PDB file of N, CA and C in Angstrom:
ATOM      1  N   UNK A   1      20.377 -38.184  12.990  1.00  0.00           N
ATOM      2  CA  UNK A   1      20.160 -36.993  13.813  1.00  0.00           C
ATOM      3  C   UNK A   1      20.740 -35.759  13.110  1.00  0.00           C
ATOM      4  N   UNK A   2      21.950 -35.901  12.600  1.00  0.00           N
ATOM      5  CA  UNK A   2      22.592 -34.756  11.943  1.00  0.00           C
ATOM      6  C   UNK A   2      21.769 -34.307  10.733  1.00  0.00           C
ATOM      7  N   UNK A   3      21.357 -35.278   9.908  1.00  0.00           N
ATOM      8  CA  UNK A   3      20.619 -34.900   8.689  1.00  0.00           C
ATOM      9  C   UNK A   3      19.292 -34.236   9.059  1.00  0.00           C
ATOM     10  N   UNK A   4      18.660 -34.712  10.138  1.00  0.00           N
ATOM     11  CA  UNK A   4      17.390 -34.117  10.560  1.00  0.00           C
ATOM     12  C   UNK A   4      17.587 -32.655  10.952  1.00  0.00           C
ATOM     13  N   UNK A   5      18.632 -32.382  11.716  1.00  0.00           N
ATOM     14  CA  UNK A   5      18.917 -30.993  12.116  1.00  0.00           C
ATOM     15  C   UNK A   5      19.194 -30.131  10.888  1.00  0.00           C
ATOM     16  N   UNK A   6      19.940 -30.729   9.950  1.00  0.00           N
ATOM     17  CA  UNK A   6      20.257 -29.953   8.737  1.00  0.00           C
ATOM     18  C   UNK A   6      18.996 -29.653   7.942  1.00  0.00           C
ATOM     19  N   UNK A   7      18.105 -30.637   7.874  1.00  0.00           N
ATOM     20  CA  UNK A   7      16.846 -30.399   7.158  1.00  0.00           C
ATOM     21  C   UNK A   7      16.025 -29.308   7.840  1.00  0.00           C
ATOM     22  N   UNK A   8      16.015 -29.330   9.166  1.00  0.00           N
ATOM     23  CA  UNK A   8      15.303 -28.276   9.902  1.00  0.00           C
ATOM     24  C   UNK A   8      15.927 -26.922   9.615  1.00  0.00           C
ATOM     25  N   UNK A   9      17.249 -26.876   9.601  1.00  0.00           N
ATOM     26  CA  UNK A   9      17.951 -25.623   9.300  1.00  0.00           C
ATOM     27  C   UNK A   9      17.561 -25.130   7.911  1.00  0.00           C
ATOM     28  N   UNK A  10      17.586 -26.053   6.925  1.00  0.00           N
ATOM     29  CA  UNK A  10      17.246 -25.667   5.557  1.00  0.00           C
ATOM     30  C   UNK A  10      15.802 -25.184   5.477  1.00  0.00           C
ATOM     31  N   UNK A  11      14.904 -25.881   6.194  1.00  0.00           N
ATOM     32  CA  UNK A  11      13.494 -25.484   6.168  1.00  0.00           C
ATOM     33  C   UNK A  11      13.344 -24.075   6.752  1.00  0.00           C
ATOM     34  N   UNK A  12      14.008 -23.813   7.872  1.00  0.00           N
ATOM     35  CA  UNK A  12      13.913 -22.483   8.480  1.00  0.00           C
ATOM     36  C   UNK A  12      14.527 -21.442   7.542  1.00  0.00           C
ATOM     37  N   UNK A  13      15.623 -21.787   6.881  1.00  0.00           N
ATOM     38  CA  UNK A  13      16.238 -20.874   5.920  1.00  0.00           C
ATOM     39  C   UNK A  13      15.258 -20.567   4.789  1.00  0.00           C
ATOM     40  N   UNK A  14      14.579 -21.602   4.282  1.00  0.00           N
ATOM     41  CA  UNK A  14      13.626 -21.384   3.188  1.00  0.00           C
ATOM     42  C   UNK A  14      12.448 -20.535   3.651  1.00  0.00           C
ATOM     43  N   UNK A  15      12.081 -20.665   4.918  1.00  0.00           N
ATOM     44  CA  UNK A  15      11.009 -19.804   5.430  1.00  0.00           C
ATOM     45  C   UNK A  15      11.489 -18.363   5.543  1.00  0.00           C
ATOM     46  N   UNK A  16      12.750 -18.175   5.885  1.00  0.00           N
ATOM     47  CA  UNK A  16      13.275 -16.818   6.083  1.00  0.00           C
ATOM     48  C   UNK A  16      13.632 -16.165   4.737  1.00  0.00           C
ATOM     49  N   UNK A  17      14.030 -16.959   3.763  1.00  0.00           N
ATOM     50  CA  UNK A  17      14.536 -16.409   2.504  1.00  0.00           C
ATOM     51  C   UNK A  17      13.544 -15.477   1.801  1.00  0.00           C
ATOM     52  N   UNK A  18      12.255 -15.820   1.660  1.00  0.00           N
ATOM     53  CA  UNK A  18      11.343 -14.877   0.991  1.00  0.00           C
ATOM     54  C   UNK A  18      11.300 -13.523   1.696  1.00  0.00           C
ATOM     55  N   UNK A  19      11.289 -13.554   3.025  1.00  0.00           N
ATOM     56  CA  UNK A  19      11.332 -12.300   3.777  1.00  0.00           C
ATOM     57  C   UNK A  19      12.593 -11.521   3.431  1.00  0.00           C
ATOM     58  N   UNK A  20      13.721 -12.221   3.417  1.00  0.00           N
ATOM     59  CA  UNK A  20      14.995 -11.561   3.141  1.00  0.00           C
ATOM     60  C   UNK A  20      15.009 -11.011   1.723  1.00  0.00           C
ATOM     61  N   UNK A  21      14.463 -11.795   0.774  1.00  0.00           N
ATOM     62  CA  UNK A  21      14.439 -11.329  -0.613  1.00  0.00           C
ATOM     63  C   UNK A  21      13.604 -10.057  -0.738  1.00  0.00           C
ATOM     64  N   UNK A  22      12.430 -10.046  -0.122  1.00  0.00           N
ATOM     65  CA  UNK A  22      11.589  -8.853  -0.206  1.00  0.00           C
ATOM     66  C   UNK A  22      12.283  -7.673   0.486  1.00  0.00           C
ATOM     67  N   UNK A  23      12.949  -7.943   1.605  1.00  0.00           N
ATOM     68  CA  UNK A  23      13.652  -6.876   2.323  1.00  0.00           C
ATOM     69  C   UNK A  23      14.776  -6.304   1.464  1.00  0.00           C
ATOM     70  N   UNK A  24      15.566  -7.190   0.835  1.00  0.00           N
ATOM     71  CA  UNK A  24      16.676  -6.713   0.005  1.00  0.00           C
ATOM     72  C   UNK A  24      16.143  -5.941  -1.196  1.00  0.00           C
ATOM     73  N   UNK A  25      15.040  -6.423  -1.784  1.00  0.00           N
ATOM     74  CA  UNK A  25      14.459  -5.694  -2.921  1.00  0.00           C
ATOM     75  C   UNK A  25      13.988  -4.316  -2.478  1.00  0.00           C
ATOM     76  N   UNK A  26      13.385  -4.246  -1.295  1.00  0.00           N
ATOM     77  CA  UNK A  26      12.939  -2.949  -0.770  1.00  0.00           C
ATOM     78  C   UNK A  26      14.140  -2.040  -0.547  1.00  0.00           C
ATOM     79  N   UNK A  27      15.228  -2.603  -0.013  1.00  0.00           N
ATOM     80  CA  UNK A  27      16.432  -1.802   0.213  1.00  0.00           C
ATOM     81  C   UNK A  27      16.975  -1.278  -1.113  1.00  0.00           C
ATOM     82  N   UNK A  28      17.018  -2.166  -2.138  1.00  0.00           N
ATOM     83  CA  UNK A  28      17.522  -1.725  -3.445  1.00  0.00           C
ATOM     84  C   UNK A  28      16.634  -0.609  -4.001  1.00  0.00           C
ATOM     85  N   UNK A  29      15.320  -0.778  -3.859  1.00  0.00           N
ATOM     86  CA  UNK A  29      14.412   0.242  -4.359  1.00  0.00           C
ATOM     87  C   UNK A  29      14.625   1.564  -3.620  1.00  0.00           C
ATOM     88  N   UNK A  30      14.784   1.478  -2.293  1.00  0.00           N
ATOM     89  CA  UNK A  30      14.992   2.704  -1.515  1.00  0.00           C
ATOM     90  C   UNK A  30      16.277   3.400  -1.945  1.00  0.00           C
ATOM     91  N   UNK A  31      17.346   2.637  -2.137  1.00  0.00           N
ATOM     92  CA  UNK A  31      18.626   3.231  -2.552  1.00  0.00           C
ATOM     93  C   UNK A  31      18.488   3.844  -3.938  1.00  0.00           C
ATOM     94  N   UNK A  32      17.788   3.126  -4.846  1.00  0.00           N
ATOM     95  CA  UNK A  32      17.598   3.616  -6.212  1.00  0.00           C
ATOM     96  C   UNK A  32      16.811   4.922  -6.211  1.00  0.00           C
ATOM     97  N   UNK A  33      15.715   4.954  -5.423  1.00  0.00           N
ATOM     98  CA  UNK A  33      14.902   6.171  -5.348  1.00  0.00           C
ATOM     99  C   UNK A  33      15.707   7.308  -4.736  1.00  0.00           C
ATOM    100  N   UNK A  34      16.517   6.972  -3.711  1.00  0.00           N
ATOM    101  CA  UNK A  34      17.335   7.997  -3.067  1.00  0.00           C
ATOM    102  C   UNK A  34      18.332   8.592  -4.064  1.00  0.00           C
ATOM    103  N   UNK A  35      18.975   7.732  -4.862  1.00  0.00           N
ATOM    104  CA  UNK A  35      19.930   8.223  -5.850  1.00  0.00           C
ATOM    105  C   UNK A  35      19.223   9.071  -6.899  1.00  0.00           C
ATOM    106  N   UNK A  36      18.050   8.629  -7.347  1.00  0.00           N
ATOM    107  CA  UNK A  36      17.285   9.423  -8.317  1.00  0.00           C
ATOM    108  C   UNK A  36      16.949  10.794  -7.729  1.00  0.00           C
ATOM    109  N   UNK A  37      16.502  10.786  -6.468  1.00  0.00           N
ATOM    110  CA  UNK A  37      16.148  12.034  -5.805  1.00  0.00           C
ATOM    111  C   UNK A  37      17.356  12.956  -5.708  1.00  0.00           C
ATOM    112  N   UNK A  38      18.529  12.386  -5.363  1.00  0.00           N
ATOM    113  CA  UNK A  38      19.741  13.190  -5.260  1.00  0.00           C
ATOM    114  C   UNK A  38      20.094  13.799  -6.605  1.00  0.00           C
ATOM    115  N   UNK A  39      20.044  13.001  -7.665  1.00  0.00           N
ATOM    116  CA  UNK A  39      20.407  13.522  -8.988  1.00  0.00           C
ATOM    117  C   UNK A  39      19.440  14.620  -9.409  1.00  0.00           C
ATOM    118  N   UNK A  40      18.131  14.388  -9.183  1.00  0.00           N
ATOM    119  CA  UNK A  40      17.147  15.405  -9.562  1.00  0.00           C
ATOM    120  C   UNK A  40      17.347  16.688  -8.769  1.00  0.00           C
ATOM    121  N   UNK A  41      17.572  16.547  -7.469  1.00  0.00           N
ATOM    122  CA  UNK A  41      17.757  17.743  -6.638  1.00  0.00           C
ATOM    123  C   UNK A  41      19.024  18.488  -7.071  1.00  0.00           C
ATOM    124  N   UNK A  42      20.075  17.732  -7.443  1.00  0.00           N
ATOM    125  CA  UNK A  42      21.314  18.378  -7.903  1.00  0.00           C
ATOM    126  C   UNK A  42      21.053  19.178  -9.172  1.00  0.00           C
ATOM    127  N   UNK A  43      20.350  18.564 -10.130  1.00  0.00           N
ATOM    128  CA  UNK A  43      20.073  19.248 -11.398  1.00  0.00           C
ATOM    129  C   UNK A  43      19.209  20.482 -11.146  1.00  0.00           C
ATOM    130  N   UNK A  44      18.140  20.297 -10.333  1.00  0.00           N
ATOM    131  CA  UNK A  44      17.233  21.418 -10.088  1.00  0.00           C
ATOM    132  C   UNK A  44      17.925  22.534  -9.325  1.00  0.00           C
ATOM    133  N   UNK A  45      18.781  22.164  -8.364  1.00  0.00           N
ATOM    134  CA  UNK A  45      19.473  23.204  -7.594  1.00  0.00           C
ATOM    135  C   UNK A  45      20.400  23.991  -8.512  1.00  0.00           C
ATOM    136  N   UNK A  46      21.086  23.299  -9.414  1.00  0.00           N
ATOM    137  CA  UNK A  46      21.963  24.027 -10.351  1.00  0.00           C
ATOM    138  C   UNK A  46      21.140  24.954 -11.221  1.00  0.00           C
ATOM    139  N   UNK A  47      19.973  24.491 -11.692  1.00  0.00           N
ATOM    140  CA  UNK A  47      19.141  25.339 -12.541  1.00  0.00           C
ATOM    141  C   UNK A  47      18.626  26.540 -11.768  1.00  0.00           C
ATOM    142  N   UNK A  48      18.195  26.292 -10.535  1.00  0.00           N
ATOM    143  CA  UNK A  48      17.654  27.396  -9.719  1.00  0.00           C
ATOM    144  C   UNK A  48      18.751  28.425  -9.453  1.00  0.00           C
ATOM    145  N   UNK A  49      19.966  27.938  -9.136  1.00  0.00           N
ATOM    146  CA  UNK A  49      21.075  28.862  -8.877  1.00  0.00           C
ATOM    147  C   UNK A  49      21.384  29.667 -10.140  1.00  0.00           C
ATOM    148  N   UNK A  50      21.368  28.988 -11.283  1.00  0.00           N
ATOM    149  CA  UNK A  50      21.630  29.685 -12.543  1.00  0.00           C
ATOM    150  C   UNK A  50      20.567  30.746 -12.795  1.00  0.00           C
ATOM    151  N   UNK A  51      19.292  30.381 -12.582  1.00  0.00           N
ATOM    152  CA  UNK A  51      18.207  31.337 -12.803  1.00  0.00           C
ATOM    153  C   UNK A  51      18.334  32.522 -11.847  1.00  0.00           C
ATOM    154  N   UNK A  52      18.665  32.244 -10.592  1.00  0.00           N
ATOM    155  CA  UNK A  52      18.788  33.324  -9.604  1.00  0.00           C
ATOM    156  C   UNK A  52      19.940  34.236  -9.983  1.00  0.00           C
ATOM    157  N   UNK A  53      21.067  33.656 -10.383  1.00  0.00           N
ATOM    158  CA  UNK A  53      22.212  34.491 -10.797  1.00  0.00           C
ATOM    159  C   UNK A  53      21.839  35.344 -12.006  1.00  0.00           C
ATOM    160  N   UNK A  54      21.167  34.726 -12.979  1.00  0.00           N
ATOM    161  CA  UNK A  54      20.747  35.448 -14.170  1.00  0.00           C
ATOM    162  C   UNK A  54      19.807  36.589 -13.799  1.00  0.00           C
ATOM    163  N   UNK A  55      18.860  36.288 -12.903  1.00  0.00           N
ATOM    164  CA  UNK A  55      17.893  37.301 -12.480  1.00  0.00           C
ATOM    165  C   UNK A  55      18.595  38.460 -11.780  1.00  0.00           C
ATOM    166  N   UNK A  56      19.534  38.119 -10.871  1.00  0.00           N
ATOM    167  CA  UNK A  56      20.227  39.173 -10.144  1.00  0.00           C
ATOM    168  C   UNK A  56      21.094  39.998 -11.086  1.00  0.00           C
ATOM    169  N   UNK A  57      21.737  39.358 -12.047  1.00  0.00           N
ATOM    170  CA  UNK A  57      22.563  40.119 -12.986  1.00  0.00           C
ATOM    171  C   UNK A  57      21.685  41.041 -13.831  1.00  0.00           C
ATOM    172  N   UNK A  58      20.495  40.558 -14.209  1.00  0.00           N
ATOM    173  CA  UNK A  58      19.569  41.393 -14.981  1.00  0.00           C
ATOM    174  C   UNK A  58      19.125  42.609 -14.154  1.00  0.00           C
ATOM    175  N   UNK A  59      18.771  42.383 -12.895  1.00  0.00           N
ATOM    176  CA  UNK A  59      18.307  43.491 -12.057  1.00  0.00           C
ATOM    177  C   UNK A  59      19.447  44.471 -11.799  1.00  0.00           C
ATOM    178  N   UNK A  60      20.669  43.958 -11.642  1.00  0.00           N
ATOM    179  CA  UNK A  60      21.805  44.856 -11.436  1.00  0.00           C
ATOM    180  C   UNK A  60      22.028  45.729 -12.667  1.00  0.00           C
ATOM    181  N   UNK A  61      21.899  45.127 -13.857  1.00  0.00           N
ATOM    182  CA  UNK A  61      22.083  45.907 -15.081  1.00  0.00           C
ATOM    183  C   UNK A  61      20.985  46.962 -15.199  1.00  0.00           C
ATOM    184  N   UNK A  62      19.753  46.619 -14.770  1.00  0.00           N
ATOM    185  CA  UNK A  62      18.672  47.605 -14.824  1.00  0.00           C
ATOM    186  C   UNK A  62      18.920  48.737 -13.838  1.00  0.00           C
ATOM    187  N   UNK A  63      19.500  48.409 -12.700  1.00  0.00           N
ATOM    188  CA  UNK A  63      19.714  49.434 -11.678  1.00  0.00           C
ATOM    189  C   UNK A  63      20.779  50.426 -12.119  1.00  0.00           C
ATOM    190  N   UNK A  64      21.747  49.967 -12.886  1.00  0.00           N
ATOM    191  CA  UNK A  64      22.832  50.876 -13.263  1.00  0.00           C
ATOM    192  C   UNK A  64      22.359  51.966 -14.217  1.00  0.00           C
TER     193      UNK A  64
END
Protein backbone atom coordinates (compact mmCIF):
# COMPACT_ATOMS: atom_id res chain seq x y z
CA UNK A 1 0.00 0.00 0.00
CA UNK A 2 2.76 2.43 0.94
CA UNK A 3 4.75 1.81 -2.24
CA UNK A 4 1.60 2.25 -4.35
CA UNK A 5 0.89 5.65 -2.79
CA UNK A 6 4.50 6.65 -3.30
CA UNK A 7 4.34 5.63 -6.94
CA UNK A 8 1.18 7.68 -7.38
CA UNK A 9 2.91 10.64 -5.74
CA UNK A 10 5.91 10.26 -8.05
CA UNK A 11 3.65 9.95 -11.09
CA UNK A 12 1.76 13.12 -10.14
CA UNK A 13 5.09 14.87 -9.51
CA UNK A 14 6.32 13.83 -12.96
CA UNK A 15 3.12 15.17 -14.48
CA UNK A 16 3.55 18.48 -12.66
CA UNK A 17 7.31 18.83 -13.24
CA UNK A 18 7.18 19.80 -16.96
CA UNK A 19 4.67 22.52 -16.10
CA UNK A 20 6.91 23.73 -13.29
CA UNK A 21 9.99 23.64 -15.52
CA UNK A 22 8.30 25.71 -18.22
CA UNK A 23 6.99 28.11 -15.56
CA UNK A 24 10.43 28.55 -13.99
CA UNK A 25 12.01 29.06 -17.42
CA UNK A 26 9.38 31.70 -18.20
CA UNK A 27 10.09 33.38 -14.86
CA UNK A 28 13.84 33.38 -15.58
CA UNK A 29 13.22 34.83 -19.02
CA UNK A 30 10.93 37.53 -17.60
CA UNK A 31 13.52 38.49 -14.97
CA UNK A 32 16.29 38.49 -17.59
CA UNK A 33 14.27 40.70 -19.96
CA UNK A 34 13.34 42.99 -17.06
CA UNK A 35 17.00 43.40 -16.09
CA UNK A 36 17.98 44.05 -19.71
CA UNK A 37 15.20 46.63 -19.97
CA UNK A 38 16.35 48.32 -16.75
CA UNK A 39 19.97 48.50 -17.91
CA UNK A 40 18.97 49.87 -21.32
CA UNK A 41 16.63 52.45 -19.82
CA UNK A 42 19.38 53.50 -17.37
CA UNK A 43 21.91 53.96 -20.17
CA UNK A 44 19.43 55.79 -22.41
CA UNK A 45 18.22 58.02 -19.58
CA UNK A 46 21.81 59.01 -18.78
CA UNK A 47 22.45 59.77 -22.45
CA UNK A 48 19.24 61.78 -22.79
CA UNK A 49 20.05 63.76 -19.63
CA UNK A 50 23.56 64.42 -20.93
CA UNK A 51 22.21 65.55 -24.31
CA UNK A 52 19.61 67.80 -22.65
CA UNK A 53 22.23 69.36 -20.37
CA UNK A 54 24.55 69.88 -23.33
CA UNK A 55 21.73 71.42 -25.36
CA UNK A 56 20.70 73.75 -22.54
CA UNK A 57 24.29 74.83 -21.92
CA UNK A 58 24.68 75.54 -25.65
CA UNK A 59 21.49 77.62 -25.76
CA UNK A 60 22.53 79.50 -22.61
CA UNK A 61 25.89 80.35 -24.19
CA UNK A 62 24.08 81.56 -27.32
CA UNK A 63 21.75 83.72 -25.26
CA UNK A 64 24.57 85.48 -23.47
